[in-house]
Amino acid sequence: MRELKGLKVEKIALHGYGIAHSANRTIFVPYTVPGDVVDIHLTEQRKDIAFGSVTRYVSRPDFTIKP
């Protein structure tokens, strides 16, 4: 599939997916929170939406707690 770099997660959707946008497509990314900037690998693509998995967290918001 395809790699996307530097996507900023804007919102949280149902089931906890982070929502980002790229090229007029909404991308759902699990294990993210609003404010994350991530590189992703697209796992599934449809006409107007896509699903991806995180390959790298470029930056995380200040409120994120490290385990």
PDB file of N, CA and C in Angstrom:
ATOM      1  N   MET A   1       0.847  -1.182   0.000  1.00  0.00           N
ATOM      2  CA  MET A   1       0.000   0.000   0.000  1.00  0.00           C
ATOM      3  C   MET A   1       0.889   1.240   0.000  1.00  0.00           C
ATOM      4  N   ARG A   2       0.423   2.282   0.642  1.00  0.00           N
ATOM      5  CA  ARG A   2       1.066   3.578   0.540  1.00  0.00           C
ATOM      6  C   ARG A   2       1.460   4.125   1.909  1.00  0.00           C
ATOM      7  N   GLU A   3       2.561   4.863   1.937  1.00  0.00           N
ATOM      8  CA  GLU A   3       3.028   5.526   3.154  1.00  0.00           C
ATOM      9  C   GLU A   3       2.671   7.004   3.097  1.00  0.00           C
ATOM     10  N   LEU A   4       2.245   7.554   4.227  1.00  0.00           N
ATOM     11  CA  LEU A   4       1.991   8.991   4.341  1.00  0.00           C
ATOM     12  C   LEU A   4       2.786   9.502   5.529  1.00  0.00           C
ATOM     13  N   LYS A   5       3.417  10.651   5.372  1.00  0.00           N
ATOM     14  CA  LYS A   5       4.274  11.198   6.419  1.00  0.00           C
ATOM     15  C   LYS A   5       3.744  12.530   6.923  1.00  0.00           C
ATOM     16  N   GLY A   6       3.889  12.743   8.218  1.00  0.00           N
ATOM     17  CA  GLY A   6       3.569  14.029   8.822  1.00  0.00           C
ATOM     18  C   GLY A   6       2.092  14.370   8.903  1.00  0.00           C
ATOM     19  N   LEU A   7       1.231  13.365   9.073  1.00  0.00           N
ATOM     20  CA  LEU A   7      -0.203  13.634   9.221  1.00  0.00           C
ATOM     21  C   LEU A   7      -0.498  14.086  10.638  1.00  0.00           C
ATOM     22  N   LYS A   8      -1.325  15.117  10.777  1.00  0.00           N
ATOM     23  CA  LYS A   8      -1.722  15.590  12.099  1.00  0.00           C
ATOM     24  C   LYS A   8      -3.119  15.061  12.413  1.00  0.00           C
ATOM     25  N   VAL A   9      -3.240  14.378  13.542  1.00  0.00           N
ATOM     26  CA  VAL A   9      -4.522  13.837  13.993  1.00  0.00           C
ATOM     27  C   VAL A   9      -5.329  14.994  14.572  1.00  0.00           C
ATOM     28  N   GLU A  10      -6.561  15.145  14.076  1.00  0.00           N
ATOM     29  CA  GLU A  10      -7.386  16.301  14.441  1.00  0.00           C
ATOM     30  C   GLU A  10      -8.471  15.982  15.462  1.00  0.00           C
ATOM     31  N   LYS A  11      -9.050  14.787  15.385  1.00  0.00           N
ATOM     32  CA  LYS A  11     -10.188  14.426  16.234  1.00  0.00           C
ATOM     33  C   LYS A  11     -10.124  12.946  16.584  1.00  0.00           C
ATOM     34  N   ILE A  12     -11.039  12.546  17.454  1.00  0.00           N
ATOM     35  CA  ILE A  12     -11.231  11.127  17.788  1.00  0.00           C
ATOM     36  C   ILE A  12     -12.598  10.706  17.251  1.00  0.00           C
ATOM     37  N   ALA A  13     -12.627   9.541  16.611  1.00  0.00           N
ATOM     38  CA  ALA A  13     -13.867   9.005  16.055  1.00  0.00           C
ATOM     39  C   ALA A  13     -14.377   7.867  16.945  1.00  0.00           C
ATOM     40  N   LEU A  14     -15.490   7.314  16.551  1.00  0.00           N
ATOM     41  CA  LEU A  14     -16.066   6.153  17.212  1.00  0.00           C
ATOM     42  C   LEU A  14     -15.030   5.032  17.281  1.00  0.00           C
ATOM     43  N   HIS A  15     -15.021   4.294  18.366  1.00  0.00           N
ATOM     44  CA  HIS A  15     -14.091   3.184  18.600  1.00  0.00           C
ATOM     45  C   HIS A  15     -12.653   3.649  18.812  1.00  0.00           C
ATOM     46  N   GLY A  16     -12.430   4.956  19.038  1.00  0.00           N
ATOM     47  CA  GLY A  16     -11.121   5.469  19.408  1.00  0.00           C
ATOM     48  C   GLY A  16     -10.141   5.705  18.279  1.00  0.00           C
ATOM     49  N   TYR A  17     -10.584   5.661  17.053  1.00  0.00           N
ATOM     50  CA  TYR A  17      -9.690   5.947  15.945  1.00  0.00           C
ATOM     51  C   TYR A  17      -9.405   7.448  15.873  1.00  0.00           C
ATOM     52  N   GLY A  18      -8.152   7.816  15.646  1.00  0.00           N
ATOM     53  CA  GLY A  18      -7.818   9.203  15.384  1.00  0.00           C
ATOM     54  C   GLY A  18      -8.181   9.532  13.947  1.00  0.00           C
ATOM     55  N   ILE A  19      -8.591  10.777  13.701  1.00  0.00           N
ATOM     56  CA  ILE A  19      -8.974  11.200  12.348  1.00  0.00           C
ATOM     57  C   ILE A  19      -7.961  12.211  11.836  1.00  0.00           C
ATOM     58  N   ALA A  20      -7.430  11.938  10.649  1.00  0.00           N
ATOM     59  CA  ALA A  20      -6.528  12.860   9.957  1.00  0.00           C
ATOM     60  C   ALA A  20      -7.056  13.022   8.530  1.00  0.00           C
ATOM     61  N   HIS A  21      -6.580  14.041   7.834  1.00  0.00           N
ATOM     62  CA  HIS A  21      -7.006  14.274   6.453  1.00  0.00           C
ATOM     63  C   HIS A  21      -5.788  14.430   5.548  1.00  0.00           C
ATOM     64  N   SER A  22      -5.907  13.886   4.342  1.00  0.00           N
ATOM     65  CA  SER A  22      -4.859  14.013   3.343  1.00  0.00           C
ATOM     66  C   SER A  22      -5.489  13.835   1.965  1.00  0.00           C
ATOM     67  N   ALA A  23      -5.222  14.765   1.067  1.00  0.00           N
ATOM     68  CA  ALA A  23      -5.698  14.687  -0.325  1.00  0.00           C
ATOM     69  C   ALA A  23      -7.202  14.428  -0.401  1.00  0.00           C
ATOM     70  N   ASN A  24      -7.992  15.225   0.324  1.00  0.00           N
ATOM     71  CA  ASN A  24      -9.455  15.122   0.320  1.00  0.00           C
ATOM     72  C   ASN A  24      -9.963  13.752   0.765  1.00  0.00           C
ATOM     73  N   ARG A  25      -9.196  13.071   1.586  1.00  0.00           N
ATOM     74  CA  ARG A  25      -9.582  11.764   2.101  1.00  0.00           C
ATOM     75  C   ARG A  25      -9.473  11.786   3.624  1.00  0.00           C
ATOM     76  N   THR A  26     -10.450  11.198   4.283  1.00  0.00           N
ATOM     77  CA  THR A  26     -10.414  11.065   5.731  1.00  0.00           C
ATOM     78  C   THR A  26      -9.700   9.761   6.062  1.00  0.00           C
ATOM     79  N   ILE A  27      -8.733   9.845   6.973  1.00  0.00           N
ATOM     80  CA  ILE A  27      -7.931   8.680   7.319  1.00  0.00           C
ATOM     81  C   ILE A  27      -8.118   8.370   8.803  1.00  0.00           C
ATOM     82  N   PHE A  28      -8.474   7.131   9.098  1.00  0.00           N
ATOM     83  CA  PHE A  28      -8.683   6.669  10.466  1.00  0.00           C
ATOM     84  C   PHE A  28      -7.433   5.919  10.919  1.00  0.00           C
ATOM     85  N   VAL A  29      -6.888   6.351  12.079  1.00  0.00           N
ATOM     86  CA  VAL A  29      -5.631   5.782  12.570  1.00  0.00           C
ATOM     87  C   VAL A  29      -5.799   5.377  14.038  1.00  0.00           C
ATOM     88  N   PRO A  30      -5.694   4.078  14.358  1.00  0.00           N
ATOM     89  CA  PRO A  30      -5.835   3.662  15.762  1.00  0.00           C
ATOM     90  C   PRO A  30      -4.624   4.066  16.590  1.00  0.00           C
ATOM     91  N   TYR A  31      -4.814   4.112  17.912  1.00  0.00           N
ATOM     92  CA  TYR A  31      -3.749   4.397  18.881  1.00  0.00           C
ATOM     93  C   TYR A  31      -3.153   5.797  18.726  1.00  0.00           C
ATOM     94  N   THR A  32      -4.000   6.748  18.356  1.00  0.00           N
ATOM     95  CA  THR A  32      -3.567   8.139  18.256  1.00  0.00           C
ATOM     96  C   THR A  32      -4.548   9.030  19.007  1.00  0.00           C
ATOM     97  N   VAL A  33      -4.096  10.238  19.328  1.00  0.00           N
ATOM     98  CA  VAL A  33      -4.932  11.228  19.994  1.00  0.00           C
ATOM     99  C   VAL A  33      -4.803  12.539  19.231  1.00  0.00           C
ATOM    100  N   PRO A  34      -5.776  13.462  19.397  1.00  0.00           N
ATOM    101  CA  PRO A  34      -5.661  14.754  18.730  1.00  0.00           C
ATOM    102  C   PRO A  34      -4.347  15.446  19.112  1.00  0.00           C
ATOM    103  N   GLY A  35      -3.663  15.949  18.103  1.00  0.00           N
ATOM    104  CA  GLY A  35      -2.384  16.614  18.308  1.00  0.00           C
ATOM    105  C   GLY A  35      -1.194  15.764  17.907  1.00  0.00           C
ATOM    106  N   ASP A  36      -1.383  14.454  17.788  1.00  0.00           N
ATOM    107  CA  ASP A  36      -0.291  13.598  17.324  1.00  0.00           C
ATOM    108  C   ASP A  36       0.057  13.945  15.881  1.00  0.00           C
ATOM    109  N   VAL A  37       1.337  13.931  15.572  1.00  0.00           N
ATOM    110  CA  VAL A  37       1.805  14.005  14.189  1.00  0.00           C
ATOM    111  C   VAL A  37       2.477  12.670  13.927  1.00  0.00           C
ATOM    112  N   VAL A  38       1.984  11.947  12.915  1.00  0.00           N
ATOM    113  CA  VAL A  38       2.420  10.565  12.704  1.00  0.00           C
ATOM    114  C   VAL A  38       2.748  10.290  11.236  1.00  0.00           C
ATOM    115  N   ASP A  39       3.589   9.289  11.044  1.00  0.00           N
ATOM    116  CA  ASP A  39       3.798   8.692   9.731  1.00  0.00           C
ATOM    117  C   ASP A  39       2.983   7.406   9.752  1.00  0.00           C
ATOM    118  N   ILE A  40       2.269   7.125   8.668  1.00  0.00           N
ATOM    119  CA  ILE A  40       1.414   5.939   8.654  1.00  0.00           C
ATOM    120  C   ILE A  40       1.612   5.115   7.385  1.00  0.00           C
ATOM    121  N   HIS A  41       1.184   3.878   7.492  1.00  0.00           N
ATOM    122  CA  HIS A  41       1.125   2.948   6.364  1.00  0.00           C
ATOM    123  C   HIS A  41      -0.355   2.660   6.142  1.00  0.00           C
ATOM    124  N   LEU A  42      -0.873   2.950   4.958  1.00  0.00           N
ATOM    125  CA  LEU A  42      -2.282   2.690   4.675  1.00  0.00           C
ATOM    126  C   LEU A  42      -2.515   1.191   4.568  1.00  0.00           C
ATOM    127  N   THR A  43      -3.509   0.721   5.305  1.00  0.00           N
ATOM    128  CA  THR A  43      -3.827  -0.707   5.304  1.00  0.00           C
ATOM    129  C   THR A  43      -5.059  -1.029   4.479  1.00  0.00           C
ATOM    130  N   GLU A  44      -5.945  -0.039   4.323  1.00  0.00           N
ATOM    131  CA  GLU A  44      -7.169  -0.232   3.538  1.00  0.00           C
ATOM    132  C   GLU A  44      -7.569   1.112   2.937  1.00  0.00           C
ATOM    133  N   GLN A  45      -7.933   1.103   1.661  1.00  0.00           N
ATOM    134  CA  GLN A  45      -8.355   2.328   0.989  1.00  0.00           C
ATOM    135  C   GLN A  45      -9.711   2.134   0.340  1.00  0.00           C
ATOM    136  N   ARG A  46     -10.555   3.139   0.512  1.00  0.00           N
ATOM    137  CA  ARG A  46     -11.858   3.178  -0.150  1.00  0.00           C
ATOM    138  C   ARG A  46     -11.954   4.509  -0.885  1.00  0.00           C
ATOM    139  N   LYS A  47     -13.095   4.795  -1.449  1.00  0.00           N
ATOM    140  CA  LYS A  47     -13.240   6.008  -2.260  1.00  0.00           C
ATOM    141  C   LYS A  47     -12.888   7.280  -1.492  1.00  0.00           C
ATOM    142  N   ASP A  48     -13.536   7.524  -0.354  1.00  0.00           N
ATOM    143  CA  ASP A  48     -13.346   8.768   0.388  1.00  0.00           C
ATOM    144  C   ASP A  48     -12.645   8.599   1.730  1.00  0.00           C
ATOM    145  N   ILE A  49     -12.406   7.357   2.143  1.00  0.00           N
ATOM    146  CA  ILE A  49     -11.776   7.124   3.444  1.00  0.00           C
ATOM    147  C   ILE A  49     -10.659   6.092   3.304  1.00  0.00           C
ATOM    148  N   ALA A  50      -9.810   6.075   4.318  1.00  0.00           N
ATOM    149  CA  ALA A  50      -8.740   5.078   4.363  1.00  0.00           C
ATOM    150  C   ALA A  50      -8.465   4.749   5.825  1.00  0.00           C
ATOM    151  N   PHE A  51      -7.828   3.605   6.044  1.00  0.00           N
ATOM    152  CA  PHE A  51      -7.401   3.191   7.367  1.00  0.00           C
ATOM    153  C   PHE A  51      -5.902   2.982   7.319  1.00  0.00           C
ATOM    154  N   GLY A  52      -5.228   3.368   8.390  1.00  0.00           N
ATOM    155  CA  GLY A  52      -3.777   3.223   8.408  1.00  0.00           C
ATOM    156  C   GLY A  52      -3.270   2.824   9.766  1.00  0.00           C
ATOM    157  N   SER A  53      -2.034   2.359   9.811  1.00  0.00           N
ATOM    158  CA  SER A  53      -1.387   2.030  11.076  1.00  0.00           C
ATOM    159  C   SER A  53      -0.144   2.905  11.228  1.00  0.00           C
ATOM    160  N   VAL A  54       0.151   3.261  12.458  1.00  0.00           N
ATOM    161  CA  VAL A  54       1.272   4.158  12.741  1.00  0.00           C
ATOM    162  C   VAL A  54       2.589   3.427  12.519  1.00  0.00           C
ATOM    163  N   THR A  55       3.480   4.047  11.760  1.00  0.00           N
ATOM    164  CA  THR A  55       4.836   3.523  11.620  1.00  0.00           C
ATOM    165  C   THR A  55       5.806   4.318  12.484  1.00  0.00           C
ATOM    166  N   ARG A  56       5.457   5.602  12.773  1.00  0.00           N
ATOM    167  CA  ARG A  56       6.323   6.435  13.615  1.00  0.00           C
ATOM    168  C   ARG A  56       5.529   7.614  14.156  1.00  0.00           C
ATOM    169  N   TYR A  57       5.720   7.911  15.434  1.00  0.00           N
ATOM    170  CA  TYR A  57       5.159   9.116  16.035  1.00  0.00           C
ATOM    171  C   TYR A  57       6.197  10.223  15.870  1.00  0.00           C
ATOM    172  N   VAL A  58       5.892  11.227  15.052  1.00  0.00           N
ATOM    173  CA  VAL A  58       6.805  12.344  14.836  1.00  0.00           C
ATOM    174  C   VAL A  58       6.802  13.239  16.069  1.00  0.00           C
ATOM    175  N   SER A  59       5.617  13.560  16.570  1.00  0.00           N
ATOM    176  CA  SER A  59       5.505  14.323  17.818  1.00  0.00           C
ATOM    177  C   SER A  59       4.196  13.955  18.503  1.00  0.00           C
ATOM    178  N   ARG A  60       4.188  14.129  19.813  1.00  0.00           N
ATOM    179  CA  ARG A  60       3.015  13.831  20.627  1.00  0.00           C
ATOM    180  C   ARG A  60       2.665  15.090  21.410  1.00  0.00           C
ATOM    181  N   PRO A  61       1.391  15.296  21.740  1.00  0.00           N
ATOM    182  CA  PRO A  61       1.016  16.473  22.528  1.00  0.00           C
ATOM    183  C   PRO A  61       1.566  16.395  23.950  1.00  0.00           C
ATOM    184  N   ASP A  62       1.646  17.546  24.610  1.00  0.00           N
ATOM    185  CA  ASP A  62       2.213  17.631  25.963  1.00  0.00           C
ATOM    186  C   ASP A  62       1.437  16.826  26.991  1.00  0.00           C
ATOM    187  N   PHE A  63       0.132  16.642  26.770  1.00  0.00           N
ATOM    188  CA  PHE A  63      -0.677  15.947  27.773  1.00  0.00           C
ATOM    189  C   PHE A  63      -0.532  14.426  27.708  1.00  0.00           C
ATOM    190  N   THR A  64       0.207  13.897  26.734  1.00  0.00           N
ATOM    191  CA  THR A  64       0.403  12.461  26.611  1.00  0.00           C
ATOM    192  C   THR A  64       1.378  11.980  27.689  1.00  0.00           C
ATOM    193  N   ILE A  65       1.001  10.925  28.397  1.00  0.00           N
ATOM    194  CA  ILE A  65       1.814  10.376  29.464  1.00  0.00           C
ATOM    195  C   ILE A  65       2.525   9.132  28.944  1.00  0.00           C
ATOM    196  N   LYS A  66       3.837   9.065  29.127  1.00  0.00           N
ATOM    197  CA  LYS A  66       4.587   7.889  28.710  1.00  0.00           C
ATOM    198  C   LYS A  66       4.405   6.776  29.732  1.00  0.00           C
ATOM    199  N   PRO A  67       4.201   5.537  29.266  1.00  0.00           N
ATOM    200  CA  PRO A  67       4.006   4.425  30.210  1.00  0.00           C
ATOM    201  C   PRO A  67       5.291   4.079  30.948  1.00  0.00           C
TER     202      PRO A  67
END
